[in-house]
Amino acid sequence: MVEVRTASNNGTVEIEITDTGSGIPHENLHRIFDPFFTTKISGRGTGLGLSVSYGIIKEHAGKVDVRSTPDKGTSFRLEFPAARKAVHV
């Protein structure tokens, strides 16, 4: 199961994505945003997804906090400054 929560707080926008999956082992947690880091077998992934996501978050002055418990799930909490004026597409 995946749950997404949003909130606005003191000029920031917060997004929390939580799952009830297998979690991330403690020894891998500090490496998940490293380019090309993956625990998948060869040919099953490049290990770029979280690295690219981290770059996008930082480029928008955001912060990310990750908490994980093996066999219970993982939670990614993102925080961004609220936009000061509307953006027109």
PDB file of N, CA and C in Angstrom:
ATOM      1  N   MET A   1       0.842  -1.174   0.000  1.00  0.00           N
ATOM      2  CA  MET A   1       0.000   0.000   0.000  1.00  0.00           C
ATOM      3  C   MET A   1       0.893   1.246   0.000  1.00  0.00           C
ATOM      4  N   VAL A   2       0.482   2.263  -0.724  1.00  0.00           N
ATOM      5  CA  VAL A   2       1.189   3.542  -0.771  1.00  0.00           C
ATOM      6  C   VAL A   2       0.228   4.632  -0.304  1.00  0.00           C
ATOM      7  N   GLU A   3       0.721   5.511   0.536  1.00  0.00           N
ATOM      8  CA  GLU A   3      -0.079   6.617   1.040  1.00  0.00           C
ATOM      9  C   GLU A   3       0.666   7.916   0.755  1.00  0.00           C
ATOM     10  N   VAL A   4      -0.062   8.926   0.264  1.00  0.00           N
ATOM     11  CA  VAL A   4       0.518  10.230  -0.024  1.00  0.00           C
ATOM     12  C   VAL A   4      -0.236  11.273   0.802  1.00  0.00           C
ATOM     13  N   ARG A   5       0.526  12.081   1.524  1.00  0.00           N
ATOM     14  CA  ARG A   5      -0.060  13.163   2.331  1.00  0.00           C
ATOM     15  C   ARG A   5       0.590  14.477   1.940  1.00  0.00           C
ATOM     16  N   THR A   6      -0.186  15.545   1.968  1.00  0.00           N
ATOM     17  CA  THR A   6       0.350  16.876   1.678  1.00  0.00           C
ATOM     18  C   THR A   6      -0.086  17.834   2.784  1.00  0.00           C
ATOM     19  N   ALA A   7       0.714  18.878   2.943  1.00  0.00           N
ATOM     20  CA  ALA A   7       0.385  19.907   3.933  1.00  0.00           C
ATOM     21  C   ALA A   7       1.099  21.196   3.556  1.00  0.00           C
ATOM     22  N   SER A   8       0.591  22.289   4.076  1.00  0.00           N
ATOM     23  CA  SER A   8       1.218  23.590   3.927  1.00  0.00           C
ATOM     24  C   SER A   8       1.498  24.089   5.335  1.00  0.00           C
ATOM     25  N   ASN A   9       2.734  24.583   5.552  1.00  0.00           N
ATOM     26  CA  ASN A   9       3.121  24.947   6.900  1.00  0.00           C
ATOM     27  C   ASN A   9       4.173  26.049   6.874  1.00  0.00           C
ATOM     28  N   ASN A  10       3.870  27.226   7.420  1.00  0.00           N
ATOM     29  CA  ASN A  10       4.838  28.330   7.539  1.00  0.00           C
ATOM     30  C   ASN A  10       5.618  28.612   6.255  1.00  0.00           C
ATOM     31  N   GLY A  11       4.935  28.746   5.147  1.00  0.00           N
ATOM     32  CA  GLY A  11       5.598  29.082   3.892  1.00  0.00           C
ATOM     33  C   GLY A  11       6.263  27.904   3.191  1.00  0.00           C
ATOM     34  N   THR A  12       5.962  26.689   3.626  1.00  0.00           N
ATOM     35  CA  THR A  12       6.497  25.514   2.961  1.00  0.00           C
ATOM     36  C   THR A  12       5.361  24.593   2.546  1.00  0.00           C
ATOM     37  N   VAL A  13       5.649  23.780   1.565  1.00  0.00           N
ATOM     38  CA  VAL A  13       4.735  22.735   1.125  1.00  0.00           C
ATOM     39  C   VAL A  13       5.404  21.414   1.442  1.00  0.00           C
ATOM     40  N   GLU A  14       4.676  20.529   2.109  1.00  0.00           N
ATOM     41  CA  GLU A  14       5.229  19.244   2.513  1.00  0.00           C
ATOM     42  C   GLU A  14       4.486  18.109   1.817  1.00  0.00           C
ATOM     43  N   ILE A  15       5.242  17.123   1.379  1.00  0.00           N
ATOM     44  CA  ILE A  15       4.677  15.937   0.742  1.00  0.00           C
ATOM     45  C   ILE A  15       5.317  14.728   1.409  1.00  0.00           C
ATOM     46  N   GLU A  16       4.502  13.793   1.837  1.00  0.00           N
ATOM     47  CA  GLU A  16       5.033  12.567   2.431  1.00  0.00           C
ATOM     48  C   GLU A  16       4.465  11.374   1.693  1.00  0.00           C
ATOM     49  N   ILE A  17       5.354  10.519   1.212  1.00  0.00           N
ATOM     50  CA  ILE A  17       4.972   9.302   0.515  1.00  0.00           C
ATOM     51  C   ILE A  17       5.452   8.129   1.365  1.00  0.00           C
ATOM     52  N   THR A  18       4.522   7.293   1.780  1.00  0.00           N
ATOM     53  CA  THR A  18       4.835   6.173   2.665  1.00  0.00           C
ATOM     54  C   THR A  18       4.338   4.887   2.037  1.00  0.00           C
ATOM     55  N   ASP A  19       5.148   3.834   2.136  1.00  0.00           N
ATOM     56  CA  ASP A  19       4.706   2.527   1.661  1.00  0.00           C
ATOM     57  C   ASP A  19       4.847   1.484   2.760  1.00  0.00           C
ATOM     58  N   THR A  20       4.226   0.354   2.544  1.00  0.00           N
ATOM     59  CA  THR A  20       4.296  -0.747   3.507  1.00  0.00           C
ATOM     60  C   THR A  20       5.074  -1.910   2.906  1.00  0.00           C
ATOM     61  N   GLY A  21       6.068  -1.574   2.087  1.00  0.00           N
ATOM     62  CA  GLY A  21       6.865  -2.596   1.417  1.00  0.00           C
ATOM     63  C   GLY A  21       7.922  -3.211   2.311  1.00  0.00           C
ATOM     64  N   SER A  22       8.949  -3.738   1.676  1.00  0.00           N
ATOM     65  CA  SER A  22       9.992  -4.464   2.398  1.00  0.00           C
ATOM     66  C   SER A  22      10.990  -3.554   3.104  1.00  0.00           C
ATOM     67  N   GLY A  23      10.931  -2.263   2.836  1.00  0.00           N
ATOM     68  CA  GLY A  23      11.841  -1.320   3.477  1.00  0.00           C
ATOM     69  C   GLY A  23      13.225  -1.344   2.844  1.00  0.00           C
ATOM     70  N   ILE A  24      14.072  -0.465   3.314  1.00  0.00           N
ATOM     71  CA  ILE A  24      15.451  -0.351   2.820  1.00  0.00           C
ATOM     72  C   ILE A  24      16.377  -0.732   3.963  1.00  0.00           C
ATOM     73  N   PRO A  25      17.267  -1.682   3.733  1.00  0.00           N
ATOM     74  CA  PRO A  25      18.198  -2.053   4.802  1.00  0.00           C
ATOM     75  C   PRO A  25      19.013  -0.840   5.262  1.00  0.00           C
ATOM     76  N   HIS A  26      19.250  -0.763   6.555  1.00  0.00           N
ATOM     77  CA  HIS A  26      19.969   0.364   7.150  1.00  0.00           C
ATOM     78  C   HIS A  26      21.300   0.646   6.440  1.00  0.00           C
ATOM     79  N   GLU A  27      22.030  -0.403   6.075  1.00  0.00           N
ATOM     80  CA  GLU A  27      23.342  -0.215   5.445  1.00  0.00           C
ATOM     81  C   GLU A  27      23.246   0.393   4.050  1.00  0.00           C
ATOM     82  N   ASN A  28      22.071   0.386   3.420  1.00  0.00           N
ATOM     83  CA  ASN A  28      21.894   0.971   2.088  1.00  0.00           C
ATOM     84  C   ASN A  28      21.262   2.357   2.128  1.00  0.00           C
ATOM     85  N   LEU A  29      20.666   2.711   3.239  1.00  0.00           N
ATOM     86  CA  LEU A  29      19.892   3.949   3.318  1.00  0.00           C
ATOM     87  C   LEU A  29      20.698   5.185   2.936  1.00  0.00           C
ATOM     88  N   HIS A  30      21.941   5.278   3.354  1.00  0.00           N
ATOM     89  CA  HIS A  30      22.748   6.472   3.062  1.00  0.00           C
ATOM     90  C   HIS A  30      23.226   6.511   1.604  1.00  0.00           C
ATOM     91  N   ARG A  31      23.009   5.458   0.834  1.00  0.00           N
ATOM     92  CA  ARG A  31      23.485   5.401  -0.548  1.00  0.00           C
ATOM     93  C   ARG A  31      22.376   5.513  -1.598  1.00  0.00           C
ATOM     94  N   ILE A  32      21.122   5.550  -1.192  1.00  0.00           N
ATOM     95  CA  ILE A  32      20.032   5.435  -2.163  1.00  0.00           C
ATOM     96  C   ILE A  32      19.972   6.576  -3.174  1.00  0.00           C
ATOM     97  N   PHE A  33      20.535   7.732  -2.870  1.00  0.00           N
ATOM     98  CA  PHE A  33      20.531   8.844  -3.814  1.00  0.00           C
ATOM     99  C   PHE A  33      21.814   8.912  -4.648  1.00  0.00           C
ATOM    100  N   ASP A  34      22.742   7.990  -4.435  1.00  0.00           N
ATOM    101  CA  ASP A  34      23.978   7.955  -5.224  1.00  0.00           C
ATOM    102  C   ASP A  34      23.681   7.508  -6.654  1.00  0.00           C
ATOM    103  N   PRO A  35      24.236   8.203  -7.653  1.00  0.00           N
ATOM    104  CA  PRO A  35      24.028   7.763  -9.038  1.00  0.00           C
ATOM    105  C   PRO A  35      24.512   6.336  -9.229  1.00  0.00           C
ATOM    106  N   PHE A  36      23.717   5.558  -9.916  1.00  0.00           N
ATOM    107  CA  PHE A  36      24.007   4.172 -10.295  1.00  0.00           C
ATOM    108  C   PHE A  36      23.976   3.185  -9.135  1.00  0.00           C
ATOM    109  N   PHE A  37      23.572   3.622  -7.932  1.00  0.00           N
ATOM    110  CA  PHE A  37      23.436   2.663  -6.835  1.00  0.00           C
ATOM    111  C   PHE A  37      22.148   1.876  -7.026  1.00  0.00           C
ATOM    112  N   THR A  38      22.252   0.560  -7.023  1.00  0.00           N
ATOM    113  CA  THR A  38      21.084  -0.303  -7.105  1.00  0.00           C
ATOM    114  C   THR A  38      21.374  -1.613  -6.394  1.00  0.00           C
ATOM    115  N   THR A  39      20.327  -2.220  -5.898  1.00  0.00           N
ATOM    116  CA  THR A  39      20.457  -3.547  -5.303  1.00  0.00           C
ATOM    117  C   THR A  39      19.861  -4.599  -6.231  1.00  0.00           C
ATOM    118  N   LYS A  40      19.408  -4.144  -7.404  1.00  0.00           N
ATOM    119  CA  LYS A  40      18.826  -5.068  -8.383  1.00  0.00           C
ATOM    120  C   LYS A  40      19.929  -5.836  -9.104  1.00  0.00           C
ATOM    121  N   ILE A  41      19.564  -6.992  -9.618  1.00  0.00           N
ATOM    122  CA  ILE A  41      20.529  -7.771 -10.392  1.00  0.00           C
ATOM    123  C   ILE A  41      20.849  -7.051 -11.695  1.00  0.00           C
ATOM    124  N   SER A  42      21.992  -7.347 -12.257  1.00  0.00           N
ATOM    125  CA  SER A  42      22.453  -6.702 -13.486  1.00  0.00           C
ATOM    126  C   SER A  42      21.391  -6.795 -14.584  1.00  0.00           C
ATOM    127  N   GLY A  43      21.175  -5.674 -15.262  1.00  0.00           N
ATOM    128  CA  GLY A  43      20.203  -5.624 -16.349  1.00  0.00           C
ATOM    129  C   GLY A  43      18.794  -5.297 -15.907  1.00  0.00           C
ATOM    130  N   ARG A  44      18.557  -5.118 -14.618  1.00  0.00           N
ATOM    131  CA  ARG A  44      17.211  -4.853 -14.098  1.00  0.00           C
ATOM    132  C   ARG A  44      16.975  -3.415 -13.671  1.00  0.00           C
ATOM    133  N   GLY A  45      17.964  -2.561 -13.827  1.00  0.00           N
ATOM    134  CA  GLY A  45      17.793  -1.165 -13.444  1.00  0.00           C
ATOM    135  C   GLY A  45      19.126  -0.455 -13.455  1.00  0.00           C
ATOM    136  N   THR A  46      19.075   0.857 -13.638  1.00  0.00           N
ATOM    137  CA  THR A  46      20.314   1.630 -13.737  1.00  0.00           C
ATOM    138  C   THR A  46      20.709   2.297 -12.427  1.00  0.00           C
ATOM    139  N   GLY A  47      19.785   2.406 -11.488  1.00  0.00           N
ATOM    140  CA  GLY A  47      20.087   3.090 -10.239  1.00  0.00           C
ATOM    141  C   GLY A  47      20.124   4.598 -10.390  1.00  0.00           C
ATOM    142  N   LEU A  48      19.391   5.136 -11.360  1.00  0.00           N
ATOM    143  CA  LEU A  48      19.380   6.583 -11.569  1.00  0.00           C
ATOM    144  C   LEU A  48      18.113   7.270 -11.070  1.00  0.00           C
ATOM    145  N   GLY A  49      17.052   6.535 -10.835  1.00  0.00           N
ATOM    146  CA  GLY A  49      15.762   7.129 -10.482  1.00  0.00           C
ATOM    147  C   GLY A  49      15.809   8.040  -9.272  1.00  0.00           C
ATOM    148  N   LEU A  50      16.304   7.549  -8.159  1.00  0.00           N
ATOM    149  CA  LEU A  50      16.341   8.378  -6.954  1.00  0.00           C
ATOM    150  C   LEU A  50      17.387   9.474  -7.049  1.00  0.00           C
ATOM    151  N   SER A  51      18.470   9.222  -7.768  1.00  0.00           N
ATOM    152  CA  SER A  51      19.496  10.249  -7.951  1.00  0.00           C
ATOM    153  C   SER A  51      18.941  11.431  -8.750  1.00  0.00           C
ATOM    154  N   VAL A  52      18.225  11.139  -9.815  1.00  0.00           N
ATOM    155  CA  VAL A  52      17.608  12.196 -10.630  1.00  0.00           C
ATOM    156  C   VAL A  52      16.543  12.924  -9.809  1.00  0.00           C
ATOM    157  N   SER A  53      15.739  12.185  -9.074  1.00  0.00           N
ATOM    158  CA  SER A  53      14.709  12.798  -8.230  1.00  0.00           C
ATOM    159  C   SER A  53      15.330  13.734  -7.205  1.00  0.00           C
ATOM    160  N   TYR A  54      16.414  13.310  -6.589  1.00  0.00           N
ATOM    161  CA  TYR A  54      17.113  14.127  -5.597  1.00  0.00           C
ATOM    162  C   TYR A  54      17.595  15.431  -6.233  1.00  0.00           C
ATOM    163  N   GLY A  55      18.141  15.350  -7.444  1.00  0.00           N
ATOM    164  CA  GLY A  55      18.595  16.550  -8.151  1.00  0.00           C
ATOM    165  C   GLY A  55      17.463  17.523  -8.426  1.00  0.00           C
ATOM    166  N   ILE A  56      16.310  17.002  -8.814  1.00  0.00           N
ATOM    167  CA  ILE A  56      15.139  17.850  -9.082  1.00  0.00           C
ATOM    168  C   ILE A  56      14.675  18.520  -7.788  1.00  0.00           C
ATOM    169  N   ILE A  57      14.631  17.759  -6.717  1.00  0.00           N
ATOM    170  CA  ILE A  57      14.217  18.317  -5.415  1.00  0.00           C
ATOM    171  C   ILE A  57      15.150  19.452  -5.004  1.00  0.00           C
ATOM    172  N   LYS A  58      16.457  19.225  -5.095  1.00  0.00           N
ATOM    173  CA  LYS A  58      17.441  20.247  -4.712  1.00  0.00           C
ATOM    174  C   LYS A  58      17.373  21.467  -5.620  1.00  0.00           C
ATOM    175  N   GLU A  59      17.146  21.240  -6.916  1.00  0.00           N
ATOM    176  CA  GLU A  59      17.060  22.357  -7.855  1.00  0.00           C
ATOM    177  C   GLU A  59      15.889  23.279  -7.538  1.00  0.00           C
ATOM    178  N   HIS A  60      14.879  22.760  -6.884  1.00  0.00           N
ATOM    179  CA  HIS A  60      13.720  23.559  -6.499  1.00  0.00           C
ATOM    180  C   HIS A  60      13.774  23.947  -5.022  1.00  0.00           C
ATOM    181  N   ALA A  61      14.986  23.997  -4.468  1.00  0.00           N
ATOM    182  CA  ALA A  61      15.234  24.415  -3.081  1.00  0.00           C
ATOM    183  C   ALA A  61      14.510  23.530  -2.070  1.00  0.00           C
ATOM    184  N   GLY A  62      14.352  22.267  -2.420  1.00  0.00           N
ATOM    185  CA  GLY A  62      13.650  21.343  -1.544  1.00  0.00           C
ATOM    186  C   GLY A  62      14.581  20.554  -0.641  1.00  0.00           C
ATOM    187  N   LYS A  63      13.969  19.889   0.305  1.00  0.00           N
ATOM    188  CA  LYS A  63      14.675  19.006   1.239  1.00  0.00           C
ATOM    189  C   LYS A  63      13.982  17.656   1.198  1.00  0.00           C
ATOM    190  N   VAL A  64      14.742  16.610   1.478  1.00  0.00           N
ATOM    191  CA  VAL A  64      14.154  15.270   1.526  1.00  0.00           C
ATOM    192  C   VAL A  64      14.686  14.537   2.751  1.00  0.00           C
ATOM    193  N   ASP A  65      13.791  13.839   3.419  1.00  0.00           N
ATOM    194  CA  ASP A  65      14.150  13.016   4.571  1.00  0.00           C
ATOM    195  C   ASP A  65      13.577  11.629   4.318  1.00  0.00           C
ATOM    196  N   VAL A  66      14.383  10.604   4.521  1.00  0.00           N
ATOM    197  CA  VAL A  66      13.945   9.234   4.283  1.00  0.00           C
ATOM    198  C   VAL A  66      14.068   8.447   5.578  1.00  0.00           C
ATOM    199  N   ARG A  67      13.020   7.711   5.885  1.00  0.00           N
ATOM    200  CA  ARG A  67      13.033   6.815   7.043  1.00  0.00           C
ATOM    201  C   ARG A  67      12.517   5.465   6.582  1.00  0.00           C
ATOM    202  N   SER A  68      13.188   4.432   7.023  1.00  0.00           N
ATOM    203  CA  SER A  68      12.796   3.104   6.578  1.00  0.00           C
ATOM    204  C   SER A  68      13.022   2.087   7.685  1.00  0.00           C
ATOM    205  N   THR A  69      12.110   1.144   7.760  1.00  0.00           N
ATOM    206  CA  THR A  69      12.224   0.031   8.688  1.00  0.00           C
ATOM    207  C   THR A  69      12.085  -1.251   7.886  1.00  0.00           C
ATOM    208  N   PRO A  70      13.139  -2.068   7.868  1.00  0.00           N
ATOM    209  CA  PRO A  70      13.036  -3.327   7.118  1.00  0.00           C
ATOM    210  C   PRO A  70      11.787  -4.118   7.509  1.00  0.00           C
ATOM    211  N   ASP A  71      11.128  -4.665   6.499  1.00  0.00           N
ATOM    212  CA  ASP A  71       9.896  -5.461   6.625  1.00  0.00           C
ATOM    213  C   ASP A  71       8.672  -4.656   7.063  1.00  0.00           C
ATOM    214  N   LYS A  72       8.799  -3.321   7.158  1.00  0.00           N
ATOM    215  CA  LYS A  72       7.647  -2.505   7.546  1.00  0.00           C
ATOM    216  C   LYS A  72       7.349  -1.393   6.552  1.00  0.00           C
ATOM    217  N   GLY A  73       8.375  -0.895   5.827  1.00  0.00           N
ATOM    218  CA  GLY A  73       8.122   0.133   4.843  1.00  0.00           C
ATOM    219  C   GLY A  73       9.071   1.310   4.909  1.00  0.00           C
ATOM    220  N   THR A  74       8.818   2.250   4.002  1.00  0.00           N
ATOM    221  CA  THR A  74       9.680   3.417   3.838  1.00  0.00           C
ATOM    222  C   THR A  74       8.826   4.667   3.715  1.00  0.00           C
ATOM    223  N   SER A  75       9.355   5.779   4.209  1.00  0.00           N
ATOM    224  CA  SER A  75       8.669   7.061   4.115  1.00  0.00           C
ATOM    225  C   SER A  75       9.641   8.110   3.581  1.00  0.00           C
ATOM    226  N   PHE A  76       9.232   8.782   2.517  1.00  0.00           N
ATOM    227  CA  PHE A  76       9.976   9.906   1.950  1.00  0.00           C
ATOM    228  C   PHE A  76       9.193  11.166   2.281  1.00  0.00           C
ATOM    229  N   ARG A  77       9.833  12.097   2.965  1.00  0.00           N
ATOM    230  CA  ARG A  77       9.192  13.374   3.302  1.00  0.00           C
ATOM    231  C   ARG A  77       9.917  14.478   2.547  1.00  0.00           C
ATOM    232  N   LEU A  78       9.182  15.177   1.689  1.00  0.00           N
ATOM    233  CA  LEU A  78       9.738  16.265   0.881  1.00  0.00           C
ATOM    234  C   LEU A  78       9.207  17.590   1.399  1.00  0.00           C
ATOM    235  N   GLU A  79      10.062  18.595   1.379  1.00  0.00           N
ATOM    236  CA  GLU A  79       9.657  19.930   1.812  1.00  0.00           C
ATOM    237  C   GLU A  79      10.175  20.941   0.797  1.00  0.00           C
ATOM    238  N   PHE A  80       9.276  21.802   0.324  1.00  0.00           N
ATOM    239  CA  PHE A  80       9.620  22.832  -0.660  1.00  0.00           C
ATOM    240  C   PHE A  80       9.139  24.178  -0.160  1.00  0.00           C
ATOM    241  N   PRO A  81       9.851  25.239  -0.543  1.00  0.00           N
ATOM    242  CA  PRO A  81       9.314  26.570  -0.239  1.00  0.00           C
ATOM    243  C   PRO A  81       8.056  26.800  -1.089  1.00  0.00           C
ATOM    244  N   ALA A  82       7.045  27.428  -0.499  1.00  0.00           N
ATOM    245  CA  ALA A  82       5.818  27.711  -1.233  1.00  0.00           C
ATOM    246  C   ALA A  82       6.125  28.749  -2.315  1.00  0.00           C
ATOM    247  N   ALA A  83       5.465  28.630  -3.466  1.00  0.00           N
ATOM    248  CA  ALA A  83       5.653  29.592  -4.554  1.00  0.00           C
ATOM    249  C   ALA A  83       5.103  30.937  -4.113  1.00  0.00           C
ATOM    250  N   ARG A  84       5.835  31.985  -4.436  1.00  0.00           N
ATOM    251  CA  ARG A  84       5.407  33.333  -4.031  1.00  0.00           C
ATOM    252  C   ARG A  84       4.415  33.932  -5.021  1.00  0.00           C
ATOM    253  N   LYS A  85       4.477  33.502  -6.282  1.00  0.00           N
ATOM    254  CA  LYS A  85       3.487  33.975  -7.246  1.00  0.00           C
ATOM    255  C   LYS A  85       3.156  32.842  -8.194  1.00  0.00           C
ATOM    256  N   ALA A  86       2.023  32.942  -8.818  1.00  0.00           N
ATOM    257  CA  ALA A  86       1.564  31.885  -9.717  1.00  0.00           C
ATOM    258  C   ALA A  86       2.492  31.752 -10.905  1.00  0.00           C
ATOM    259  N   VAL A  87       2.666  30.529 -11.349  1.00  0.00           N
ATOM    260  CA  VAL A  87       3.480  30.251 -12.524  1.00  0.00           C
ATOM    261  C   VAL A  87       2.528  29.988 -13.685  1.00  0.00           C
ATOM    262  N   HIS A  88       2.749  30.671 -14.796  1.00  0.00           N
ATOM    263  CA  HIS A  88       1.887  30.506 -15.970  1.00  0.00           C
ATOM    264  C   HIS A  88       2.563  29.582 -16.960  1.00  0.00           C
ATOM    265  N   VAL A  89       1.825  28.613 -17.426  1.00  0.00           N
ATOM    266  CA  VAL A  89       2.357  27.638 -18.383  1.00  0.00           C
ATOM    267  C   VAL A  89       2.067  28.087 -19.787  1.00  0.00           C
TER     268      VAL A  89
END
